[in-house]
Amino acid sequence: MQHHCPYHVRIGARMAALTVAFQAKAKAVDPRSLCCAVRDVDAAYGCEHPLAVELAAFASCYPELRYAPDALSGAGDRLMSSVVRACWPERVQRADIDG
């Protein structure tokens, strides 16, 4: 499902998720930042968007990850990749390719 939201709101949500990803890579995640990022990404993209799914998975694993710095950093890398993919333009249906 396409979730329609103003472009600047989606940018803010991606920045919130990127903040958490950088914090994870630095092995120092602020739980309030994580909570705000989850809320912002869900509001901007919807809970079924790949970025929202990846961020929710990160949030659910965070209680264990915070005691494993290397795993937290790796999760930050995966989250950063999801943020980058969320910046890609959406696929446009083409009659000559999609039928």
PDB file of N, CA and C in Angstrom:
ATOM      1  N   MET A   1       0.836  -1.187   0.000  1.00  0.00           N
ATOM      2  CA  MET A   1       0.000   0.000   0.000  1.00  0.00           C
ATOM      3  C   MET A   1       0.877   1.245   0.000  1.00  0.00           C
ATOM      4  N   GLN A   2       0.561   2.182  -0.875  1.00  0.00           N
ATOM      5  CA  GLN A   2       1.274   3.452  -0.927  1.00  0.00           C
ATOM      6  C   GLN A   2       0.766   4.346   0.199  1.00  0.00           C
ATOM      7  N   HIS A   3       1.672   4.830   1.022  1.00  0.00           N
ATOM      8  CA  HIS A   3       1.317   5.700   2.136  1.00  0.00           C
ATOM      9  C   HIS A   3       1.650   7.127   1.718  1.00  0.00           C
ATOM     10  N   HIS A   4       0.643   7.964   1.527  1.00  0.00           N
ATOM     11  CA  HIS A   4       0.874   9.328   1.056  1.00  0.00           C
ATOM     12  C   HIS A   4       1.104  10.256   2.236  1.00  0.00           C
ATOM     13  N   CYS A   5       2.241  10.916   2.195  1.00  0.00           N
ATOM     14  CA  CYS A   5       2.627  11.831   3.255  1.00  0.00           C
ATOM     15  C   CYS A   5       3.511  12.894   2.605  1.00  0.00           C
ATOM     16  N   PRO A   6       3.470  14.136   3.084  1.00  0.00           N
ATOM     17  CA  PRO A   6       4.326  15.162   2.478  1.00  0.00           C
ATOM     18  C   PRO A   6       5.803  14.746   2.483  1.00  0.00           C
ATOM     19  N   TYR A   7       6.488  15.145   1.431  1.00  0.00           N
ATOM     20  CA  TYR A   7       7.884  14.761   1.249  1.00  0.00           C
ATOM     21  C   TYR A   7       8.748  15.156   2.442  1.00  0.00           C
ATOM     22  N   HIS A   8       8.541  16.358   2.995  1.00  0.00           N
ATOM     23  CA  HIS A   8       9.376  16.800   4.120  1.00  0.00           C
ATOM     24  C   HIS A   8       9.150  15.935   5.365  1.00  0.00           C
ATOM     25  N   VAL A   9       7.964  15.367   5.509  1.00  0.00           N
ATOM     26  CA  VAL A   9       7.701  14.477   6.643  1.00  0.00           C
ATOM     27  C   VAL A   9       8.473  13.170   6.473  1.00  0.00           C
ATOM     28  N   ARG A  10       8.509  12.656   5.233  1.00  0.00           N
ATOM     29  CA  ARG A  10       9.265  11.426   4.968  1.00  0.00           C
ATOM     30  C   ARG A  10      10.761  11.659   5.173  1.00  0.00           C
ATOM     31  N   ILE A  11      11.246  12.840   4.785  1.00  0.00           N
ATOM     32  CA  ILE A  11      12.658  13.154   5.011  1.00  0.00           C
ATOM     33  C   ILE A  11      12.959  13.168   6.508  1.00  0.00           C
ATOM     34  N   GLY A  12      12.092  13.788   7.293  1.00  0.00           N
ATOM     35  CA  GLY A  12      12.285  13.826   8.745  1.00  0.00           C
ATOM     36  C   GLY A  12      12.293  12.437   9.359  1.00  0.00           C
ATOM     37  N   ALA A  13      11.421  11.569   8.863  1.00  0.00           N
ATOM     38  CA  ALA A  13      11.364  10.193   9.373  1.00  0.00           C
ATOM     39  C   ALA A  13      12.651   9.438   9.030  1.00  0.00           C
ATOM     40  N   ARG A  14      13.134   9.634   7.797  1.00  0.00           N
ATOM     41  CA  ARG A  14      14.395   8.982   7.417  1.00  0.00           C
ATOM     42  C   ARG A  14      15.552   9.513   8.252  1.00  0.00           C
ATOM     43  N   MET A  15      15.557  10.808   8.544  1.00  0.00           N
ATOM     44  CA  MET A  15      16.623  11.383   9.378  1.00  0.00           C
ATOM     45  C   MET A  15      16.577  10.813  10.793  1.00  0.00           C
ATOM     46  N   ALA A  16      15.368  10.608  11.326  1.00  0.00           N
ATOM     47  CA  ALA A  16      15.240  10.011  12.662  1.00  0.00           C
ATOM     48  C   ALA A  16      15.792   8.593  12.659  1.00  0.00           C
ATOM     49  N   ALA A  17      15.479   7.823  11.613  1.00  0.00           N
ATOM     50  CA  ALA A  17      15.992   6.450  11.518  1.00  0.00           C
ATOM     51  C   ALA A  17      17.505   6.460  11.309  1.00  0.00           C
ATOM     52  N   LEU A  18      17.996   7.406  10.520  1.00  0.00           N
ATOM     53  CA  LEU A  18      19.430   7.517  10.291  1.00  0.00           C
ATOM     54  C   LEU A  18      20.165   7.878  11.581  1.00  0.00           C
ATOM     55  N   THR A  19      19.553   8.712  12.401  1.00  0.00           N
ATOM     56  CA  THR A  19      20.138   9.053  13.700  1.00  0.00           C
ATOM     57  C   THR A  19      20.330   7.804  14.538  1.00  0.00           C
ATOM     58  N   VAL A  20      19.306   6.962  14.585  1.00  0.00           N
ATOM     59  CA  VAL A  20      19.393   5.712  15.356  1.00  0.00           C
ATOM     60  C   VAL A  20      20.461   4.795  14.763  1.00  0.00           C
ATOM     61  N   ALA A  21      20.536   4.738  13.430  1.00  0.00           N
ATOM     62  CA  ALA A  21      21.537   3.882  12.790  1.00  0.00           C
ATOM     63  C   ALA A  21      22.950   4.343  13.152  1.00  0.00           C
ATOM     64  N   PHE A  22      23.207   5.655  13.109  1.00  0.00           N
ATOM     65  CA  PHE A  22      24.525   6.166  13.483  1.00  0.00           C
ATOM     66  C   PHE A  22      24.805   5.929  14.970  1.00  0.00           C
ATOM     67  N   GLN A  23      23.790   6.084  15.806  1.00  0.00           N
ATOM     68  CA  GLN A  23      23.976   5.808  17.232  1.00  0.00           C
ATOM     69  C   GLN A  23      24.338   4.344  17.447  1.00  0.00           C
ATOM     70  N   ALA A  24      23.681   3.454  16.706  1.00  0.00           N
ATOM     71  CA  ALA A  24      23.968   2.019  16.840  1.00  0.00           C
ATOM     72  C   ALA A  24      25.396   1.722  16.386  1.00  0.00           C
ATOM     73  N   LYS A  25      25.809   2.335  15.285  1.00  0.00           N
ATOM     74  CA  LYS A  25      27.180   2.125  14.816  1.00  0.00           C
ATOM     75  C   LYS A  25      28.196   2.636  15.836  1.00  0.00           C
ATOM     76  N   ALA A  26      27.806   3.694  16.577  1.00  0.00           N
ATOM     77  CA  ALA A  26      28.672   4.229  17.628  1.00  0.00           C
ATOM     78  C   ALA A  26      28.480   3.484  18.950  1.00  0.00           C
ATOM     79  N   LYS A  27      27.579   2.508  18.953  1.00  0.00           N
ATOM     80  CA  LYS A  27      27.306   1.642  20.121  1.00  0.00           C
ATOM     81  C   LYS A  27      26.736   2.427  21.298  1.00  0.00           C
ATOM     82  N   ALA A  28      25.899   3.433  20.989  1.00  0.00           N
ATOM     83  CA  ALA A  28      25.306   4.258  22.044  1.00  0.00           C
ATOM     84  C   ALA A  28      23.938   4.766  21.596  1.00  0.00           C
ATOM     85  N   VAL A  29      22.936   3.893  21.588  1.00  0.00           N
ATOM     86  CA  VAL A  29      21.594   4.263  21.145  1.00  0.00           C
ATOM     87  C   VAL A  29      20.819   4.900  22.290  1.00  0.00           C
ATOM     88  N   ASP A  30      20.203   6.040  22.005  1.00  0.00           N
ATOM     89  CA  ASP A  30      19.321   6.694  22.966  1.00  0.00           C
ATOM     90  C   ASP A  30      17.926   6.097  22.790  1.00  0.00           C
ATOM     91  N   PRO A  31      17.380   5.437  23.814  1.00  0.00           N
ATOM     92  CA  PRO A  31      16.062   4.812  23.678  1.00  0.00           C
ATOM     93  C   PRO A  31      14.959   5.790  23.268  1.00  0.00           C
ATOM     94  N   ARG A  32      15.058   7.047  23.684  1.00  0.00           N
ATOM     95  CA  ARG A  32      14.050   8.039  23.276  1.00  0.00           C
ATOM     96  C   ARG A  32      14.125   8.317  21.776  1.00  0.00           C
ATOM     97  N   SER A  33      15.335   8.382  21.246  1.00  0.00           N
ATOM     98  CA  SER A  33      15.508   8.571  19.803  1.00  0.00           C
ATOM     99  C   SER A  33      14.929   7.395  19.031  1.00  0.00           C
ATOM    100  N   LEU A  34      15.145   6.195  19.545  1.00  0.00           N
ATOM    101  CA  LEU A  34      14.610   4.992  18.914  1.00  0.00           C
ATOM    102  C   LEU A  34      13.086   5.016  18.898  1.00  0.00           C
ATOM    103  N   CYS A  35      12.499   5.361  20.020  1.00  0.00           N
ATOM    104  CA  CYS A  35      11.034   5.439  20.121  1.00  0.00           C
ATOM    105  C   CYS A  35      10.467   6.473  19.154  1.00  0.00           C
ATOM    106  N   CYS A  36      11.093   7.636  19.092  1.00  0.00           N
ATOM    107  CA  CYS A  36      10.638   8.694  18.184  1.00  0.00           C
ATOM    108  C   CYS A  36      10.800   8.276  16.728  1.00  0.00           C
ATOM    109  N   ALA A  37      11.891   7.595  16.408  1.00  0.00           N
ATOM    110  CA  ALA A  37      12.121   7.155  15.034  1.00  0.00           C
ATOM    111  C   ALA A  37      11.060   6.149  14.608  1.00  0.00           C
ATOM    112  N   VAL A  38      10.741   5.208  15.478  1.00  0.00           N
ATOM    113  CA  VAL A  38       9.707   4.218  15.162  1.00  0.00           C
ATOM    114  C   VAL A  38       8.378   4.924  14.906  1.00  0.00           C
ATOM    115  N   ARG A  39       8.027   5.850  15.765  1.00  0.00           N
ATOM    116  CA  ARG A  39       6.770   6.591  15.609  1.00  0.00           C
ATOM    117  C   ARG A  39       6.759   7.394  14.304  1.00  0.00           C
ATOM    118  N   ASP A  40       7.849   8.105  14.023  1.00  0.00           N
ATOM    119  CA  ASP A  40       7.911   8.952  12.833  1.00  0.00           C
ATOM    120  C   ASP A  40       7.886   8.143  11.540  1.00  0.00           C
ATOM    121  N   VAL A  41       8.630   7.048  11.500  1.00  0.00           N
ATOM    122  CA  VAL A  41       8.674   6.212  10.295  1.00  0.00           C
ATOM    123  C   VAL A  41       7.313   5.553  10.061  1.00  0.00           C
ATOM    124  N   ASP A  42       6.684   5.051  11.115  1.00  0.00           N
ATOM    125  CA  ASP A  42       5.348   4.456  10.958  1.00  0.00           C
ATOM    126  C   ASP A  42       4.343   5.483  10.446  1.00  0.00           C
ATOM    127  N   ALA A  43       4.418   6.710  10.949  1.00  0.00           N
ATOM    128  CA  ALA A  43       3.480   7.748  10.532  1.00  0.00           C
ATOM    129  C   ALA A  43       3.735   8.176   9.087  1.00  0.00           C
ATOM    130  N   ALA A  44       4.995   8.251   8.686  1.00  0.00           N
ATOM    131  CA  ALA A  44       5.330   8.742   7.349  1.00  0.00           C
ATOM    132  C   ALA A  44       5.185   7.685   6.267  1.00  0.00           C
ATOM    133  N   TYR A  45       5.513   6.441   6.585  1.00  0.00           N
ATOM    134  CA  TYR A  45       5.558   5.394   5.567  1.00  0.00           C
ATOM    135  C   TYR A  45       4.514   4.294   5.750  1.00  0.00           C
ATOM    136  N   GLY A  46       4.001   4.142   6.941  1.00  0.00           N
ATOM    137  CA  GLY A  46       3.110   3.015   7.220  1.00  0.00           C
ATOM    138  C   GLY A  46       3.913   1.848   7.770  1.00  0.00           C
ATOM    139  N   CYS A  47       3.282   1.023   8.562  1.00  0.00           N
ATOM    140  CA  CYS A  47       4.001  -0.046   9.274  1.00  0.00           C
ATOM    141  C   CYS A  47       4.443  -1.193   8.365  1.00  0.00           C
ATOM    142  N   GLU A  48       3.970  -1.238   7.118  1.00  0.00           N
ATOM    143  CA  GLU A  48       4.350  -2.323   6.213  1.00  0.00           C
ATOM    144  C   GLU A  48       5.509  -1.956   5.289  1.00  0.00           C
ATOM    145  N   HIS A  49       5.942  -0.711   5.313  1.00  0.00           N
ATOM    146  CA  HIS A  49       7.069  -0.280   4.479  1.00  0.00           C
ATOM    147  C   HIS A  49       8.347  -0.975   4.967  1.00  0.00           C
ATOM    148  N   PRO A  50       9.250  -1.354   4.054  1.00  0.00           N
ATOM    149  CA  PRO A  50      10.480  -2.045   4.469  1.00  0.00           C
ATOM    150  C   PRO A  50      11.302  -1.302   5.524  1.00  0.00           C
ATOM    151  N   LEU A  51      11.351   0.027   5.465  1.00  0.00           N
ATOM    152  CA  LEU A  51      12.088   0.773   6.492  1.00  0.00           C
ATOM    153  C   LEU A  51      11.423   0.624   7.852  1.00  0.00           C
ATOM    154  N   ALA A  52      10.100   0.694   7.877  1.00  0.00           N
ATOM    155  CA  ALA A  52       9.373   0.534   9.142  1.00  0.00           C
ATOM    156  C   ALA A  52       9.556  -0.870   9.702  1.00  0.00           C
ATOM    157  N   VAL A  53       9.557  -1.866   8.829  1.00  0.00           N
ATOM    158  CA  VAL A  53       9.743  -3.255   9.271  1.00  0.00           C
ATOM    159  C   VAL A  53      11.141  -3.439   9.852  1.00  0.00           C
ATOM    160  N   GLU A  54      12.156  -2.919   9.159  1.00  0.00           N
ATOM    161  CA  GLU A  54      13.536  -3.045   9.644  1.00  0.00           C
ATOM    162  C   GLU A  54      13.729  -2.299  10.969  1.00  0.00           C
ATOM    163  N   LEU A  55      13.152  -1.113  11.076  1.00  0.00           N
ATOM    164  CA  LEU A  55      13.280  -0.336  12.309  1.00  0.00           C
ATOM    165  C   LEU A  55      12.558  -1.024  13.465  1.00  0.00           C
ATOM    166  N   ALA A  56      11.390  -1.595  13.193  1.00  0.00           N
ATOM    167  CA  ALA A  56      10.662  -2.327  14.242  1.00  0.00           C
ATOM    168  C   ALA A  56      11.446  -3.553  14.695  1.00  0.00           C
ATOM    169  N   ALA A  57      12.088  -4.241  13.756  1.00  0.00           N
ATOM    170  CA  ALA A  57      12.920  -5.397  14.117  1.00  0.00           C
ATOM    171  C   ALA A  57      14.101  -4.953  14.976  1.00  0.00           C
ATOM    172  N   PHE A  58      14.720  -3.842  14.598  1.00  0.00           N
ATOM    173  CA  PHE A  58      15.824  -3.300  15.388  1.00  0.00           C
ATOM    174  C   PHE A  58      15.335  -2.967  16.800  1.00  0.00           C
ATOM    175  N   ALA A  59      14.190  -2.289  16.888  1.00  0.00           N
ATOM    176  CA  ALA A  59      13.654  -1.888  18.198  1.00  0.00           C
ATOM    177  C   ALA A  59      13.338  -3.102  19.069  1.00  0.00           C
ATOM    178  N   SER A  60      12.805  -4.155  18.461  1.00  0.00           N
ATOM    179  CA  SER A  60      12.463  -5.340  19.269  1.00  0.00           C
ATOM    180  C   SER A  60      13.714  -6.075  19.746  1.00  0.00           C
ATOM    181  N   CYS A  61      14.802  -5.994  18.975  1.00  0.00           N
ATOM    182  CA  CYS A  61      16.051  -6.656  19.367  1.00  0.00           C
ATOM    183  C   CYS A  61      16.951  -5.777  20.233  1.00  0.00           C
ATOM    184  N   TYR A  62      16.648  -4.488  20.296  1.00  0.00           N
ATOM    185  CA  TYR A  62      17.529  -3.557  21.003  1.00  0.00           C
ATOM    186  C   TYR A  62      17.813  -3.946  22.463  1.00  0.00           C
ATOM    187  N   PRO A  63      16.826  -4.428  23.234  1.00  0.00           N
ATOM    188  CA  PRO A  63      17.156  -4.770  24.623  1.00  0.00           C
ATOM    189  C   PRO A  63      18.300  -5.780  24.752  1.00  0.00           C
ATOM    190  N   GLU A  64      18.417  -6.707  23.802  1.00  0.00           N
ATOM    191  CA  GLU A  64      19.527  -7.662  23.833  1.00  0.00           C
ATOM    192  C   GLU A  64      20.776  -7.085  23.180  1.00  0.00           C
ATOM    193  N   LEU A  65      20.571  -6.312  22.097  1.00  0.00           N
ATOM    194  CA  LEU A  65      21.701  -5.765  21.349  1.00  0.00           C
ATOM    195  C   LEU A  65      22.528  -4.786  22.174  1.00  0.00           C
ATOM    196  N   ARG A  66      21.899  -4.086  23.090  1.00  0.00           N
ATOM    197  CA  ARG A  66      22.657  -3.070  23.832  1.00  0.00           C
ATOM    198  C   ARG A  66      23.748  -3.673  24.704  1.00  0.00           C
ATOM    199  N   TYR A  67      23.660  -4.981  24.948  1.00  0.00           N
ATOM    200  CA  TYR A  67      24.704  -5.650  25.729  1.00  0.00           C
ATOM    201  C   TYR A  67      25.731  -6.349  24.845  1.00  0.00           C
ATOM    202  N   ALA A  68      25.557  -6.249  23.523  1.00  0.00           N
ATOM    203  CA  ALA A  68      26.485  -6.853  22.567  1.00  0.00           C
ATOM    204  C   ALA A  68      26.908  -5.772  21.563  1.00  0.00           C
ATOM    205  N   PRO A  69      27.940  -5.006  21.895  1.00  0.00           N
ATOM    206  CA  PRO A  69      28.320  -3.855  21.077  1.00  0.00           C
ATOM    207  C   PRO A  69      28.565  -4.167  19.602  1.00  0.00           C
ATOM    208  N   ASP A  70      29.209  -5.286  19.307  1.00  0.00           N
ATOM    209  CA  ASP A  70      29.477  -5.608  17.902  1.00  0.00           C
ATOM    210  C   ASP A  70      28.191  -5.933  17.153  1.00  0.00           C
ATOM    211  N   ALA A  71      27.279  -6.630  17.795  1.00  0.00           N
ATOM    212  CA  ALA A  71      25.987  -6.930  17.173  1.00  0.00           C
ATOM    213  C   ALA A  71      25.177  -5.647  16.987  1.00  0.00           C
ATOM    214  N   LEU A  72      25.265  -4.730  17.940  1.00  0.00           N
ATOM    215  CA  LEU A  72      24.568  -3.452  17.834  1.00  0.00           C
ATOM    216  C   LEU A  72      25.099  -2.660  16.644  1.00  0.00           C
ATOM    217  N   SER A  73      26.399  -2.662  16.454  1.00  0.00           N
ATOM    218  CA  SER A  73      26.996  -1.964  15.326  1.00  0.00           C
ATOM    219  C   SER A  73      26.552  -2.589  13.996  1.00  0.00           C
ATOM    220  N   GLY A  74      26.506  -3.909  13.932  1.00  0.00           N
ATOM    221  CA  GLY A  74      26.042  -4.596  12.725  1.00  0.00           C
ATOM    222  C   GLY A  74      24.590  -4.296  12.421  1.00  0.00           C
ATOM    223  N   ALA A  75      23.767  -4.229  13.468  1.00  0.00           N
ATOM    224  CA  ALA A  75      22.362  -3.873  13.284  1.00  0.00           C
ATOM    225  C   ALA A  75      22.240  -2.436  12.788  1.00  0.00           C
ATOM    226  N   GLY A  76      23.140  -1.577  13.239  1.00  0.00           N
ATOM    227  CA  GLY A  76      23.165  -0.197  12.754  1.00  0.00           C
ATOM    228  C   GLY A  76      23.494  -0.131  11.268  1.00  0.00           C
ATOM    229  N   ASP A  77      24.403  -0.985  10.821  1.00  0.00           N
ATOM    230  CA  ASP A  77      24.729  -1.057   9.386  1.00  0.00           C
ATOM    231  C   ASP A  77      23.504  -1.475   8.573  1.00  0.00           C
ATOM    232  N   ARG A  78      22.789  -2.497   9.052  1.00  0.00           N
ATOM    233  CA  ARG A  78      21.594  -2.957   8.334  1.00  0.00           C
ATOM    234  C   ARG A  78      20.519  -1.880   8.308  1.00  0.00           C
ATOM    235  N   LEU A  79      20.354  -1.186   9.420  1.00  0.00           N
ATOM    236  CA  LEU A  79      19.359  -0.115   9.485  1.00  0.00           C
ATOM    237  C   LEU A  79      19.751   1.020   8.536  1.00  0.00           C
ATOM    238  N   MET A  80      21.026   1.342   8.469  1.00  0.00           N
ATOM    239  CA  MET A  80      21.479   2.392   7.564  1.00  0.00           C
ATOM    240  C   MET A  80      21.192   2.005   6.112  1.00  0.00           C
ATOM    241  N   SER A  81      21.393   0.748   5.767  1.00  0.00           N
ATOM    242  CA  SER A  81      21.078   0.284   4.412  1.00  0.00           C
ATOM    243  C   SER A  81      19.593   0.438   4.114  1.00  0.00           C
ATOM    244  N   SER A  82      18.749   0.185   5.095  1.00  0.00           N
ATOM    245  CA  SER A  82      17.307   0.354   4.901  1.00  0.00           C
ATOM    246  C   SER A  82      16.944   1.819   4.679  1.00  0.00           C
ATOM    247  N   VAL A  83      17.607   2.702   5.390  1.00  0.00           N
ATOM    248  CA  VAL A  83      17.356   4.137   5.199  1.00  0.00           C
ATOM    249  C   VAL A  83      17.753   4.545   3.784  1.00  0.00           C
ATOM    250  N   VAL A  84      18.891   4.053   3.321  1.00  0.00           N
ATOM    251  CA  VAL A  84      19.348   4.374   1.964  1.00  0.00           C
ATOM    252  C   VAL A  84      18.337   3.857   0.937  1.00  0.00           C
ATOM    253  N   ARG A  85      17.859   2.620   1.109  1.00  0.00           N
ATOM    254  CA  ARG A  85      16.878   2.068   0.173  1.00  0.00           C
ATOM    255  C   ARG A  85      15.570   2.851   0.197  1.00  0.00           C
ATOM    256  N   ALA A  86      15.219   3.412   1.345  1.00  0.00           N
ATOM    257  CA  ALA A  86      13.987   4.205   1.437  1.00  0.00           C
ATOM    258  C   ALA A  86      14.100   5.504   0.631  1.00  0.00           C
ATOM    259  N   CYS A  87      15.315   5.909   0.296  1.00  0.00           N
ATOM    260  CA  CYS A  87      15.527   7.122  -0.505  1.00  0.00           C
ATOM    261  C   CYS A  87      15.373   6.862  -1.997  1.00  0.00           C
ATOM    262  N   TRP A  88      15.412   5.610  -2.392  1.00  0.00           N
ATOM    263  CA  TRP A  88      15.305   5.285  -3.809  1.00  0.00           C
ATOM    264  C   TRP A  88      13.919   5.647  -4.316  1.00  0.00           C
ATOM    265  N   PRO A  89      13.806   6.064  -5.570  1.00  0.00           N
ATOM    266  CA  PRO A  89      12.476   6.365  -6.117  1.00  0.00           C
ATOM    267  C   PRO A  89      11.635   5.093  -6.214  1.00  0.00           C
ATOM    268  N   GLU A  90      10.338   5.279  -6.110  1.00  0.00           N
ATOM    269  CA  GLU A  90       9.438   4.136  -6.198  1.00  0.00           C
ATOM    270  C   GLU A  90       9.387   3.629  -7.630  1.00  0.00           C
ATOM    271  N   ARG A  91       9.175   2.348  -7.746  1.00  0.00           N
ATOM    272  CA  ARG A  91       9.110   1.704  -9.057  1.00  0.00           C
ATOM    273  C   ARG A  91       7.831   2.162  -9.766  1.00  0.00           C
ATOM    274  N   VAL A  92       7.985   2.493 -11.015  1.00  0.00           N
ATOM    275  CA  VAL A  92       6.853   2.921 -11.830  1.00  0.00           C
ATOM    276  C   VAL A  92       6.441   1.744 -12.713  1.00  0.00           C
ATOM    277  N   GLN A  93       5.168   1.437 -12.752  1.00  0.00           N
ATOM    278  CA  GLN A  93       4.669   0.356 -13.602  1.00  0.00           C
ATOM    279  C   GLN A  93       4.767   0.780 -15.054  1.00  0.00           C
ATOM    280  N   ARG A  94       5.320  -0.090 -15.853  1.00  0.00           N
ATOM    281  CA  ARG A  94       5.444   0.180 -17.281  1.00  0.00           C
ATOM    282  C   ARG A  94       4.707  -0.910 -18.059  1.00  0.00           C
ATOM    283  N   ALA A  95       3.848  -0.479 -18.977  1.00  0.00           N
ATOM    284  CA  ALA A  95       3.048  -1.427 -19.753  1.00  0.00           C
ATOM    285  C   ALA A  95       3.925  -2.325 -20.619  1.00  0.00           C
ATOM    286  N   ASP A  96       5.038  -1.802 -21.132  1.00  0.00           N
ATOM    287  CA  ASP A  96       5.889  -2.611 -21.991  1.00  0.00           C
ATOM    288  C   ASP A  96       6.668  -3.665 -21.216  1.00  0.00           C
ATOM    289  N   ILE A  97       6.815  -3.495 -19.926  1.00  0.00           N
ATOM    290  CA  ILE A  97       7.542  -4.469 -19.105  1.00  0.00           C
ATOM    291  C   ILE A  97       6.584  -5.292 -18.249  1.00  0.00           C
ATOM    292  N   ASP A  98       5.660  -4.613 -17.585  1.00  0.00           N
ATOM    293  CA  ASP A  98       4.770  -5.278 -16.634  1.00  0.00           C
ATOM    294  C   ASP A  98       3.505  -5.839 -17.267  1.00  0.00           C
ATOM    295  N   GLY A  99       3.250  -5.514 -18.517  1.00  0.00           N
ATOM    296  CA  GLY A  99       2.078  -6.059 -19.210  1.00  0.00           C
ATOM    297  C   GLY A  99       0.834  -5.247 -19.103  1.00  0.00           C
TER     298      GLY A  99
END
